[in-house]
């Protein structure tokens, strides 16, 4: 559903002649969101929710692509990007996998869902910024 939004944001990133001053911050946000999508994908796979997994995988690929584009002017290598994605996914999924009690697990899943929603809003704001429109609903 939001993959087209990310594709548009990616096109805007590609079209930019020079990286913005906040390239590092944008890269970190994109990589964090890629990890959140990776964590959600793992949960959907575990629960055998294939349609939801496919959707979140598309969004995750969009965030990875944006992070990769933003990483170029930062001089990051492919290995560094892979390590950052792994760390980001582990950071997002860790509270769930380390929880010992159901209330703790439920709280961790709720936090992951909130982070997912924040990432979708971030993608929408990138699209709005790239198109010169307001990101207000």
N, C-alpha and C. Protein backbone atom coordinates (compact mmCIF):
# COMPACT_ATOMS: atom_id res chain seq x y z
N UNK A 1 0.82 -1.19 0.00
CA UNK A 1 0.00 0.00 0.00
C UNK A 1 0.87 1.25 0.00
N UNK A 2 1.90 1.28 0.82
CA UNK A 2 2.74 2.47 0.88
C UNK A 2 3.99 2.34 0.02
N UNK A 3 4.16 1.20 -0.65
CA UNK A 3 5.31 1.04 -1.52
C UNK A 3 5.36 2.12 -2.60
N UNK A 4 4.22 2.51 -3.22
CA UNK A 4 4.27 3.60 -4.19
C UNK A 4 4.75 4.91 -3.57
N UNK A 5 4.40 5.16 -2.33
CA UNK A 5 4.88 6.37 -1.66
C UNK A 5 6.40 6.33 -1.53
N UNK A 6 6.92 5.17 -1.15
CA UNK A 6 8.36 5.05 -1.00
C UNK A 6 9.06 5.16 -2.35
N UNK A 7 8.43 4.62 -3.39
CA UNK A 7 9.01 4.72 -4.72
C UNK A 7 9.11 6.18 -5.15
N UNK A 8 8.07 6.95 -4.85
CA UNK A 8 8.09 8.37 -5.18
C UNK A 8 9.18 9.09 -4.39
N UNK A 9 9.28 8.76 -3.10
CA UNK A 9 10.32 9.38 -2.27
C UNK A 9 11.70 9.02 -2.79
N UNK A 10 11.87 7.77 -3.22
CA UNK A 10 13.15 7.34 -3.78
C UNK A 10 13.47 8.14 -5.04
N UNK A 11 12.48 8.33 -5.89
CA UNK A 11 12.71 9.11 -7.11
C UNK A 11 13.14 10.52 -6.77
N UNK A 12 12.56 11.08 -5.75
CA UNK A 12 12.94 12.43 -5.33
C UNK A 12 14.37 12.45 -4.81
N UNK A 13 14.75 11.42 -4.06
CA UNK A 13 16.13 11.34 -3.54
C UNK A 13 17.10 11.21 -4.70
N UNK A 14 16.75 10.38 -5.70
CA UNK A 14 17.63 10.19 -6.85
C UNK A 14 17.76 11.46 -7.67
N UNK A 15 16.71 12.25 -7.74
CA UNK A 15 16.73 13.44 -8.58
C UNK A 15 17.48 14.60 -7.94
N UNK A 16 17.72 14.53 -6.66
CA UNK A 16 18.40 15.63 -5.97
C UNK A 16 19.84 15.73 -6.44
N UNK A 17 20.29 16.93 -6.86
CA UNK A 17 21.64 17.09 -7.37
C UNK A 17 22.71 16.96 -6.29
N UNK A 18 22.41 17.34 -5.09
CA UNK A 18 23.38 17.24 -3.99
C UNK A 18 22.64 16.77 -2.75
N UNK A 19 23.35 16.03 -1.91
CA UNK A 19 22.66 15.55 -0.70
C UNK A 19 22.28 16.71 0.21
N UNK A 20 21.13 16.61 0.85
CA UNK A 20 20.72 17.66 1.78
C UNK A 20 21.62 17.67 3.01
N UNK A 21 21.58 18.76 3.73
CA UNK A 21 22.43 18.89 4.92
C UNK A 21 22.12 17.83 5.96
N UNK A 22 20.90 17.34 5.96
CA UNK A 22 20.52 16.34 6.96
C UNK A 22 20.58 14.91 6.40
N UNK A 23 21.51 14.66 5.49
CA UNK A 23 21.63 13.34 4.88
C UNK A 23 21.83 12.24 5.91
N UNK A 24 22.71 12.47 6.87
CA UNK A 24 22.97 11.44 7.88
C UNK A 24 21.70 11.14 8.68
N UNK A 25 21.00 12.17 9.09
CA UNK A 25 19.76 11.97 9.85
C UNK A 25 18.72 11.22 9.02
N UNK A 26 18.60 11.59 7.76
CA UNK A 26 17.64 10.91 6.88
C UNK A 26 18.05 9.46 6.66
N UNK A 27 19.35 9.22 6.47
CA UNK A 27 19.85 7.85 6.32
C UNK A 27 19.51 7.03 7.56
N UNK A 28 19.79 7.57 8.73
CA UNK A 28 19.52 6.84 9.97
C UNK A 28 18.03 6.55 10.13
N UNK A 29 17.20 7.49 9.77
CA UNK A 29 15.74 7.28 9.84
C UNK A 29 15.31 6.18 8.88
N UNK A 30 15.82 6.23 7.66
CA UNK A 30 15.46 5.22 6.66
C UNK A 30 15.94 3.84 7.10
N UNK A 31 17.15 3.76 7.64
CA UNK A 31 17.68 2.46 8.07
C UNK A 31 16.91 1.95 9.29
N UNK A 32 16.56 2.85 10.21
CA UNK A 32 15.77 2.44 11.37
C UNK A 32 14.44 1.87 10.90
N UNK A 33 13.81 2.55 9.95
CA UNK A 33 12.52 2.08 9.44
C UNK A 33 12.68 0.77 8.66
N UNK A 34 13.77 0.61 7.96
CA UNK A 34 14.02 -0.67 7.28
C UNK A 34 14.08 -1.80 8.30
N UNK A 35 14.72 -1.55 9.44
CA UNK A 35 14.78 -2.55 10.50
C UNK A 35 13.42 -2.84 11.10
N UNK A 36 12.62 -1.80 11.28
CA UNK A 36 11.26 -1.98 11.80
C UNK A 36 10.46 -2.85 10.83
N UNK A 37 10.59 -2.58 9.55
CA UNK A 37 9.87 -3.39 8.55
C UNK A 37 10.39 -4.82 8.56
N UNK A 38 11.70 -5.00 8.72
CA UNK A 38 12.26 -6.35 8.82
C UNK A 38 11.72 -7.10 10.02
N UNK A 39 11.60 -6.42 11.14
CA UNK A 39 11.06 -7.04 12.35
C UNK A 39 9.59 -7.41 12.15
N UNK A 40 8.82 -6.49 11.56
CA UNK A 40 7.40 -6.79 11.30
C UNK A 40 7.28 -7.98 10.34
N UNK A 41 8.15 -8.03 9.34
CA UNK A 41 8.14 -9.14 8.40
C UNK A 41 8.38 -10.47 9.11
N UNK A 42 9.34 -10.47 10.02
CA UNK A 42 9.63 -11.69 10.78
C UNK A 42 8.42 -12.13 11.59
N UNK A 43 7.74 -11.18 12.21
CA UNK A 43 6.55 -11.53 13.00
C UNK A 43 5.43 -12.05 12.10
N UNK A 44 5.24 -11.42 10.96
CA UNK A 44 4.20 -11.89 10.04
C UNK A 44 4.54 -13.29 9.52
N UNK A 45 5.81 -13.55 9.24
CA UNK A 45 6.23 -14.88 8.79
C UNK A 45 5.96 -15.91 9.89
N UNK A 46 6.30 -15.56 11.12
CA UNK A 46 6.08 -16.46 12.25
C UNK A 46 4.60 -16.80 12.41
N UNK A 47 3.75 -15.81 12.19
CA UNK A 47 2.30 -16.00 12.33
C UNK A 47 1.63 -16.46 11.04
N UNK A 48 2.43 -16.71 10.02
CA UNK A 48 1.96 -17.18 8.71
C UNK A 48 0.94 -16.24 8.08
N UNK A 49 1.21 -14.96 8.19
CA UNK A 49 0.37 -13.93 7.58
C UNK A 49 1.07 -13.45 6.31
N UNK A 50 0.95 -14.25 5.26
CA UNK A 50 1.72 -14.03 4.04
C UNK A 50 1.41 -12.71 3.34
N UNK A 51 0.14 -12.33 3.28
CA UNK A 51 -0.22 -11.08 2.60
C UNK A 51 0.37 -9.88 3.33
N UNK A 52 0.24 -9.87 4.64
CA UNK A 52 0.81 -8.78 5.44
C UNK A 52 2.32 -8.77 5.33
N UNK A 53 2.93 -9.96 5.32
CA UNK A 53 4.39 -10.06 5.19
C UNK A 53 4.84 -9.48 3.85
N UNK A 54 4.13 -9.81 2.78
CA UNK A 54 4.49 -9.30 1.46
C UNK A 54 4.41 -7.77 1.43
N UNK A 55 3.37 -7.23 2.04
CA UNK A 55 3.19 -5.77 2.07
C UNK A 55 4.33 -5.10 2.83
N UNK A 56 4.64 -5.61 4.01
CA UNK A 56 5.68 -4.99 4.82
C UNK A 56 7.06 -5.21 4.18
N UNK A 57 7.23 -6.32 3.46
CA UNK A 57 8.49 -6.55 2.74
C UNK A 57 8.70 -5.49 1.66
N UNK A 58 7.62 -5.14 0.95
CA UNK A 58 7.73 -4.09 -0.08
C UNK A 58 8.13 -2.76 0.57
N UNK A 59 7.49 -2.44 1.68
CA UNK A 59 7.84 -1.20 2.37
C UNK A 59 9.29 -1.25 2.85
N UNK A 60 9.69 -2.39 3.37
CA UNK A 60 11.07 -2.55 3.85
C UNK A 60 12.07 -2.35 2.73
N UNK A 61 11.79 -2.94 1.57
CA UNK A 61 12.70 -2.75 0.43
C UNK A 61 12.78 -1.28 0.04
N UNK A 62 11.66 -0.58 0.13
CA UNK A 62 11.68 0.85 -0.16
C UNK A 62 12.58 1.61 0.79
N UNK A 63 12.47 1.32 2.09
CA UNK A 63 13.32 2.00 3.06
C UNK A 63 14.79 1.62 2.87
N UNK A 64 15.08 0.36 2.56
CA UNK A 64 16.47 -0.05 2.32
C UNK A 64 17.02 0.69 1.10
N UNK A 65 16.21 0.82 0.07
CA UNK A 65 16.65 1.52 -1.14
C UNK A 65 16.93 2.99 -0.85
N UNK A 66 16.04 3.63 -0.11
CA UNK A 66 16.25 5.03 0.26
C UNK A 66 17.52 5.15 1.11
N UNK A 67 17.68 4.27 2.08
CA UNK A 67 18.88 4.31 2.93
C UNK A 67 20.14 4.11 2.10
N UNK A 68 20.08 3.21 1.13
CA UNK A 68 21.24 2.95 0.27
C UNK A 68 21.59 4.19 -0.54
N UNK A 69 20.58 4.85 -1.09
CA UNK A 69 20.83 6.09 -1.86
C UNK A 69 21.42 7.18 -0.97
N UNK A 70 20.88 7.31 0.22
CA UNK A 70 21.38 8.34 1.14
C UNK A 70 22.77 8.00 1.66
N UNK A 71 23.12 6.73 1.69
CA UNK A 71 24.43 6.31 2.20
C UNK A 71 25.55 6.60 1.21
N UNK A 72 25.23 6.73 -0.06
CA UNK A 72 26.26 6.95 -1.07
C UNK A 72 27.12 8.18 -0.78
N UNK A 73 26.51 9.36 -0.53
CA UNK A 73 27.37 10.52 -0.24
C UNK A 73 28.08 10.41 1.11
N UNK A 74 27.62 9.49 1.95
CA UNK A 74 28.27 9.28 3.25
C UNK A 74 29.46 8.34 3.13
N UNK A 75 29.61 7.70 1.97
CA UNK A 75 30.74 6.81 1.74
C UNK A 75 30.63 5.46 2.42
N UNK A 76 29.44 5.04 2.75
CA UNK A 76 29.27 3.75 3.42
C UNK A 76 29.39 2.61 2.42
N UNK A 77 30.02 1.53 2.85
CA UNK A 77 30.19 0.36 1.99
C UNK A 77 28.96 -0.53 2.06
N UNK A 78 28.89 -1.46 1.15
CA UNK A 78 27.81 -2.44 1.14
C UNK A 78 27.79 -3.25 2.43
N UNK A 79 28.98 -3.59 2.89
CA UNK A 79 29.10 -4.36 4.14
C UNK A 79 28.58 -3.55 5.33
N UNK A 80 28.88 -2.26 5.35
CA UNK A 80 28.39 -1.40 6.42
C UNK A 80 26.86 -1.28 6.37
N UNK A 81 26.33 -1.19 5.16
CA UNK A 81 24.87 -1.12 5.01
C UNK A 81 24.22 -2.42 5.49
N UNK A 82 24.80 -3.55 5.13
CA UNK A 82 24.25 -4.84 5.57
C UNK A 82 24.30 -4.96 7.08
N UNK A 83 25.41 -4.55 7.67
CA UNK A 83 25.54 -4.60 9.13
C UNK A 83 24.54 -3.65 9.80
N UNK A 84 24.35 -2.49 9.21
CA UNK A 84 23.40 -1.52 9.78
C UNK A 84 21.97 -2.06 9.70
N UNK A 85 21.63 -2.71 8.60
CA UNK A 85 20.29 -3.28 8.47
C UNK A 85 20.08 -4.40 9.48
N UNK A 86 21.07 -5.26 9.62
CA UNK A 86 20.97 -6.35 10.60
C UNK A 86 20.80 -5.80 12.01
N UNK A 87 21.62 -4.82 12.36
CA UNK A 87 21.54 -4.22 13.70
C UNK A 87 20.20 -3.53 13.91
N UNK A 88 19.71 -2.85 12.89
CA UNK A 88 18.43 -2.15 12.99
C UNK A 88 17.28 -3.13 13.19
N UNK A 89 17.31 -4.23 12.46
CA UNK A 89 16.27 -5.24 12.61
C UNK A 89 16.34 -5.89 13.98
N UNK A 90 17.54 -6.21 14.43
CA UNK A 90 17.70 -6.81 15.76
C UNK A 90 17.24 -5.85 16.85
N UNK A 91 17.53 -4.58 16.68
CA UNK A 91 17.11 -3.57 17.66
C UNK A 91 15.57 -3.49 17.72
N UNK A 92 14.92 -3.59 16.58
CA UNK A 92 13.46 -3.51 16.54
C UNK A 92 12.80 -4.79 17.06
N UNK A 93 13.40 -5.94 16.78
CA UNK A 93 12.81 -7.22 17.16
C UNK A 93 13.24 -7.70 18.54
N UNK A 94 14.39 -7.24 19.00
CA UNK A 94 14.96 -7.70 20.25
C UNK A 94 14.05 -7.66 21.46
N UNK A 95 13.36 -6.55 21.71
CA UNK A 95 12.48 -6.51 22.89
C UNK A 95 11.40 -7.60 22.87
N UNK A 96 10.99 -7.99 21.69
CA UNK A 96 9.97 -9.04 21.59
C UNK A 96 10.59 -10.41 21.87
N UNK A 97 11.74 -10.67 21.27
CA UNK A 97 12.35 -11.99 21.43
C UNK A 97 12.94 -12.19 22.82
N UNK A 98 13.28 -11.11 23.50
CA UNK A 98 13.86 -11.23 24.84
C UNK A 98 12.82 -11.22 25.95
N UNK A 99 11.59 -10.91 25.63
CA UNK A 99 10.57 -10.81 26.67
C UNK A 99 10.27 -12.20 27.24
N UNK A 100 9.96 -12.21 28.53
CA UNK A 100 9.73 -13.48 29.24
C UNK A 100 8.27 -13.67 29.66
N UNK A 101 7.51 -12.61 29.68
CA UNK A 101 6.12 -12.70 30.12
C UNK A 101 5.21 -12.09 29.06
N UNK A 102 4.00 -12.59 28.97
CA UNK A 102 3.07 -12.13 27.93
C UNK A 102 2.82 -10.62 27.97
N UNK A 103 2.63 -10.01 29.14
CA UNK A 103 2.42 -8.55 29.14
C UNK A 103 3.64 -7.80 28.57
N UNK A 104 4.81 -8.30 28.86
CA UNK A 104 6.03 -7.69 28.33
C UNK A 104 6.09 -7.85 26.81
N UNK A 105 5.73 -9.02 26.33
CA UNK A 105 5.69 -9.26 24.88
C UNK A 105 4.66 -8.37 24.22
N UNK A 106 3.48 -8.28 24.82
CA UNK A 106 2.42 -7.43 24.26
C UNK A 106 2.87 -5.97 24.17
N UNK A 107 3.54 -5.49 25.20
CA UNK A 107 4.04 -4.11 25.20
C UNK A 107 5.09 -3.92 24.12
N UNK A 108 5.96 -4.90 23.94
CA UNK A 108 7.00 -4.80 22.91
C UNK A 108 6.38 -4.81 21.51
N UNK A 109 5.37 -5.63 21.30
CA UNK A 109 4.68 -5.65 20.00
C UNK A 109 3.97 -4.32 19.76
N UNK A 110 3.34 -3.79 20.79
CA UNK A 110 2.68 -2.49 20.66
C UNK A 110 3.68 -1.40 20.30
N UNK A 111 4.86 -1.45 20.90
CA UNK A 111 5.91 -0.47 20.58
C UNK A 111 6.36 -0.62 19.13
N UNK A 112 6.54 -1.86 18.68
CA UNK A 112 6.93 -2.09 17.29
C UNK A 112 5.85 -1.57 16.34
N UNK A 113 4.60 -1.81 16.68
CA UNK A 113 3.50 -1.30 15.84
C UNK A 113 3.51 0.23 15.79
N UNK A 114 3.80 0.87 16.91
CA UNK A 114 3.88 2.34 16.93
C UNK A 114 5.05 2.83 16.08
N UNK A 115 6.17 2.13 16.15
CA UNK A 115 7.32 2.50 15.32
C UNK A 115 7.00 2.30 13.84
N UNK A 116 6.29 1.24 13.51
CA UNK A 116 5.87 1.00 12.13
C UNK A 116 5.01 2.16 11.64
N UNK A 117 4.03 2.55 12.44
CA UNK A 117 3.16 3.66 12.06
C UNK A 117 3.95 4.95 11.87
N UNK A 118 4.93 5.18 12.74
CA UNK A 118 5.78 6.38 12.61
C UNK A 118 6.58 6.33 11.31
N UNK A 119 7.02 5.15 10.92
CA UNK A 119 7.78 5.02 9.67
C UNK A 119 6.89 5.31 8.46
N UNK A 120 5.66 4.85 8.51
CA UNK A 120 4.73 5.14 7.41
C UNK A 120 4.49 6.65 7.32
N UNK A 121 4.33 7.30 8.46
CA UNK A 121 4.17 8.76 8.47
C UNK A 121 5.42 9.45 7.93
N UNK A 122 6.59 8.92 8.26
CA UNK A 122 7.84 9.47 7.74
C UNK A 122 7.87 9.37 6.21
N UNK A 123 7.50 8.22 5.69
CA UNK A 123 7.47 8.05 4.23
C UNK A 123 6.50 9.04 3.59
N UNK A 124 5.36 9.21 4.21
CA UNK A 124 4.39 10.19 3.69
C UNK A 124 4.96 11.60 3.71
N UNK A 125 5.68 11.94 4.77
CA UNK A 125 6.25 13.29 4.84
C UNK A 125 7.32 13.48 3.79
N UNK A 126 8.11 12.43 3.51
CA UNK A 126 9.11 12.52 2.45
C UNK A 126 8.44 12.75 1.10
N UNK A 127 7.35 12.04 0.86
CA UNK A 127 6.62 12.20 -0.39
C UNK A 127 6.07 13.61 -0.49
N UNK A 128 5.48 14.10 0.59
CA UNK A 128 4.92 15.45 0.59
C UNK A 128 6.01 16.49 0.35
N UNK A 129 7.14 16.31 1.00
CA UNK A 129 8.26 17.24 0.82
C UNK A 129 8.76 17.21 -0.62
N UNK A 130 8.90 16.01 -1.16
CA UNK A 130 9.41 15.88 -2.53
C UNK A 130 8.44 16.47 -3.55
N UNK A 131 7.15 16.40 -3.26
CA UNK A 131 6.17 16.91 -4.21
C UNK A 131 5.78 18.36 -3.93
N UNK A 132 6.32 18.91 -2.83
CA UNK A 132 6.03 20.30 -2.51
C UNK A 132 4.65 20.52 -1.93
N UNK A 133 4.08 19.47 -1.36
CA UNK A 133 2.75 19.59 -0.75
C UNK A 133 2.85 19.41 0.75
N UNK A 134 1.79 19.70 1.42
CA UNK A 134 1.73 19.54 2.87
C UNK A 134 1.55 18.07 3.21
N UNK A 135 2.16 17.64 4.32
CA UNK A 135 2.00 16.25 4.75
C UNK A 135 0.83 16.10 5.72
N UNK A 136 0.09 17.18 5.95
CA UNK A 136 -1.06 17.10 6.86
C UNK A 136 -2.16 16.26 6.22
N UNK A 137 -2.85 15.43 7.03
CA UNK A 137 -3.91 14.56 6.48
C UNK A 137 -5.09 15.33 5.95
